[in-house]
């Protein structure tokens, strides 16, 4: 899977189709704020949590990251 946006990559509907040992994820780790972050500036971008979600779903060895 090519995950161009970490929020979409770690979305519940995306995670359910990943299979440990079968799915490889190339995840962009660059945090691009959504409208929710503009409307609520107190929110912190959950980059680390999003990477962990992908690793839990596909397996830690099956997630490659890049800051694009």
N, C-alpha and C. Protein backbone atom coordinates (compact mmCIF):
# COMPACT_ATOMS: atom_id res chain seq x y z
N UNK A 1 0.84 -1.15 0.00
CA UNK A 1 0.00 0.00 0.00
C UNK A 1 0.89 1.22 0.00
N UNK A 2 0.53 2.20 -0.78
CA UNK A 2 1.24 3.47 -0.78
C UNK A 2 0.38 4.45 0.01
N UNK A 3 0.88 4.81 1.17
CA UNK A 3 0.15 5.71 2.05
C UNK A 3 0.66 7.13 1.92
N UNK A 4 0.01 7.91 1.07
CA UNK A 4 0.47 9.28 0.81
C UNK A 4 0.18 10.23 1.96
N UNK A 5 -0.78 9.90 2.78
CA UNK A 5 -1.18 10.75 3.90
C UNK A 5 -1.27 9.84 5.13
N UNK A 6 -0.55 10.15 6.22
CA UNK A 6 -0.55 9.27 7.38
C UNK A 6 -1.92 9.13 8.04
N UNK A 7 -2.74 10.16 7.98
CA UNK A 7 -4.07 10.07 8.60
C UNK A 7 -4.94 9.08 7.84
N UNK A 8 -4.90 9.13 6.52
CA UNK A 8 -5.68 8.19 5.71
C UNK A 8 -5.10 6.78 5.81
N UNK A 9 -3.78 6.67 5.81
CA UNK A 9 -3.13 5.37 5.91
C UNK A 9 -3.53 4.64 7.19
N UNK A 10 -3.65 5.37 8.29
CA UNK A 10 -3.96 4.76 9.58
C UNK A 10 -5.45 4.84 9.92
N UNK A 11 -6.27 5.14 8.94
CA UNK A 11 -7.72 5.18 9.15
C UNK A 11 -8.24 3.77 9.38
N UNK A 12 -9.27 3.64 10.19
CA UNK A 12 -9.83 2.31 10.50
C UNK A 12 -10.21 1.53 9.25
N UNK A 13 -10.80 2.20 8.27
CA UNK A 13 -11.23 1.49 7.06
C UNK A 13 -10.04 1.02 6.22
N UNK A 14 -8.91 1.66 6.34
CA UNK A 14 -7.70 1.24 5.64
C UNK A 14 -7.02 0.12 6.41
N UNK A 15 -6.95 0.23 7.72
CA UNK A 15 -6.26 -0.75 8.54
C UNK A 15 -6.91 -2.14 8.47
N UNK A 16 -8.23 -2.19 8.32
CA UNK A 16 -8.90 -3.49 8.32
C UNK A 16 -8.57 -4.35 7.10
N UNK A 17 -8.08 -3.74 6.03
CA UNK A 17 -7.73 -4.52 4.85
C UNK A 17 -6.26 -4.94 4.84
N UNK A 18 -5.48 -4.46 5.81
CA UNK A 18 -4.08 -4.85 5.91
C UNK A 18 -3.96 -6.20 6.60
N UNK A 19 -3.00 -6.99 6.16
CA UNK A 19 -2.75 -8.30 6.77
C UNK A 19 -1.28 -8.43 7.09
N UNK A 20 -1.00 -8.74 8.34
CA UNK A 20 0.39 -8.92 8.76
C UNK A 20 1.03 -10.04 7.94
N UNK A 21 2.19 -9.77 7.39
CA UNK A 21 2.89 -10.74 6.58
C UNK A 21 2.51 -10.71 5.11
N UNK A 22 1.43 -10.01 4.76
CA UNK A 22 1.00 -9.93 3.35
C UNK A 22 1.03 -8.51 2.82
N UNK A 23 0.88 -7.54 3.71
CA UNK A 23 0.79 -6.14 3.30
C UNK A 23 2.10 -5.44 3.59
N UNK A 24 2.62 -4.69 2.62
CA UNK A 24 3.75 -3.81 2.85
C UNK A 24 3.24 -2.39 2.67
N UNK A 25 3.58 -1.54 3.61
CA UNK A 25 3.12 -0.16 3.59
C UNK A 25 4.30 0.78 3.39
N UNK A 26 4.21 1.62 2.39
CA UNK A 26 5.14 2.72 2.20
C UNK A 26 4.40 3.96 2.67
N UNK A 27 4.73 4.42 3.89
CA UNK A 27 3.95 5.48 4.53
C UNK A 27 4.70 6.81 4.53
N UNK A 28 4.03 7.81 4.00
CA UNK A 28 4.54 9.17 4.10
C UNK A 28 4.31 9.64 5.53
N UNK A 29 5.36 10.07 6.21
CA UNK A 29 5.22 10.49 7.61
C UNK A 29 5.08 12.00 7.75
N UNK A 30 5.12 12.71 6.63
CA UNK A 30 4.99 14.17 6.69
C UNK A 30 3.58 14.52 7.15
N UNK A 31 3.48 15.25 8.22
CA UNK A 31 2.17 15.61 8.78
C UNK A 31 1.54 16.78 8.05
N UNK A 32 0.45 16.51 7.37
CA UNK A 32 -0.30 17.55 6.69
C UNK A 32 -1.59 17.77 7.47
N UNK A 33 -1.74 18.91 8.10
CA UNK A 33 -2.94 19.15 8.90
C UNK A 33 -4.21 19.13 8.07
N UNK A 34 -5.24 18.57 8.66
CA UNK A 34 -6.56 18.59 8.03
C UNK A 34 -7.32 19.80 8.54
N UNK A 35 -8.53 19.97 8.08
CA UNK A 35 -9.35 21.11 8.51
C UNK A 35 -9.56 21.09 10.02
N UNK A 36 -9.63 19.90 10.61
CA UNK A 36 -9.82 19.81 12.06
C UNK A 36 -8.68 20.50 12.82
N UNK A 37 -7.47 20.42 12.28
CA UNK A 37 -6.33 21.06 12.94
C UNK A 37 -6.37 22.57 12.76
N UNK A 38 -6.94 23.03 11.68
CA UNK A 38 -7.06 24.47 11.45
C UNK A 38 -8.12 25.04 12.38
N UNK A 39 -9.23 24.32 12.50
CA UNK A 39 -10.33 24.78 13.36
C UNK A 39 -10.00 24.66 14.84
N UNK A 40 -9.13 23.70 15.19
CA UNK A 40 -8.79 23.46 16.60
C UNK A 40 -7.27 23.43 16.75
N UNK A 41 -6.64 24.59 16.85
CA UNK A 41 -5.18 24.66 16.88
C UNK A 41 -4.55 23.99 18.10
N UNK A 42 -5.32 23.64 19.09
CA UNK A 42 -4.77 22.96 20.27
C UNK A 42 -4.47 21.49 20.00
N UNK A 43 -4.97 20.95 18.90
CA UNK A 43 -4.71 19.56 18.56
C UNK A 43 -3.26 19.38 18.14
N UNK A 44 -2.67 18.29 18.55
CA UNK A 44 -1.31 17.95 18.13
C UNK A 44 -1.39 16.86 17.07
N UNK A 45 -0.54 16.97 16.04
CA UNK A 45 -0.56 15.96 14.98
C UNK A 45 -0.06 14.63 15.54
N UNK A 46 -0.85 13.56 15.41
CA UNK A 46 -0.52 12.28 16.04
C UNK A 46 0.39 11.38 15.19
N UNK A 47 1.47 11.92 14.67
CA UNK A 47 2.33 11.18 13.75
C UNK A 47 2.83 9.85 14.28
N UNK A 48 3.34 9.86 15.49
CA UNK A 48 3.89 8.62 16.07
C UNK A 48 2.81 7.55 16.22
N UNK A 49 1.64 7.96 16.70
CA UNK A 49 0.53 7.02 16.88
C UNK A 49 0.10 6.43 15.54
N UNK A 50 0.07 7.26 14.50
CA UNK A 50 -0.34 6.79 13.18
C UNK A 50 0.64 5.76 12.64
N UNK A 51 1.94 5.98 12.84
CA UNK A 51 2.94 4.99 12.40
C UNK A 51 2.77 3.68 13.15
N UNK A 52 2.48 3.75 14.44
CA UNK A 52 2.28 2.53 15.24
C UNK A 52 1.04 1.76 14.77
N UNK A 53 0.00 2.46 14.39
CA UNK A 53 -1.20 1.78 13.89
C UNK A 53 -0.89 0.98 12.63
N UNK A 54 -0.13 1.57 11.73
CA UNK A 54 0.25 0.87 10.51
C UNK A 54 1.12 -0.34 10.81
N UNK A 55 2.05 -0.18 11.73
CA UNK A 55 2.94 -1.29 12.11
C UNK A 55 2.16 -2.41 12.79
N UNK A 56 1.17 -2.07 13.59
CA UNK A 56 0.34 -3.09 14.24
C UNK A 56 -0.47 -3.88 13.22
N UNK A 57 -0.95 -3.21 12.19
CA UNK A 57 -1.80 -3.87 11.19
C UNK A 57 -0.99 -4.70 10.19
N UNK A 58 0.14 -4.17 9.72
CA UNK A 58 0.89 -4.85 8.67
C UNK A 58 2.10 -5.61 9.20
N UNK A 59 2.49 -5.33 10.43
CA UNK A 59 3.70 -5.91 11.00
C UNK A 59 4.82 -4.89 10.94
N UNK A 60 5.56 -4.76 12.01
CA UNK A 60 6.59 -3.72 12.12
C UNK A 60 7.60 -3.78 10.98
N UNK A 61 7.95 -4.98 10.54
CA UNK A 61 8.92 -5.12 9.46
C UNK A 61 8.37 -4.85 8.08
N UNK A 62 7.08 -4.61 8.00
CA UNK A 62 6.43 -4.39 6.70
C UNK A 62 6.01 -2.96 6.46
N UNK A 63 6.55 -2.05 7.26
CA UNK A 63 6.21 -0.63 7.09
C UNK A 63 7.49 0.14 6.83
N UNK A 64 7.54 0.75 5.66
CA UNK A 64 8.63 1.65 5.33
C UNK A 64 8.11 3.07 5.40
N UNK A 65 8.92 3.98 5.89
CA UNK A 65 8.47 5.36 6.03
C UNK A 65 9.38 6.31 5.26
N UNK A 66 8.80 7.41 4.82
CA UNK A 66 9.55 8.47 4.18
C UNK A 66 8.85 9.78 4.46
N UNK A 67 9.63 10.83 4.57
CA UNK A 67 9.08 12.16 4.82
C UNK A 67 8.99 12.87 3.48
N UNK A 68 7.82 12.78 2.88
CA UNK A 68 7.66 13.36 1.54
C UNK A 68 6.81 14.61 1.62
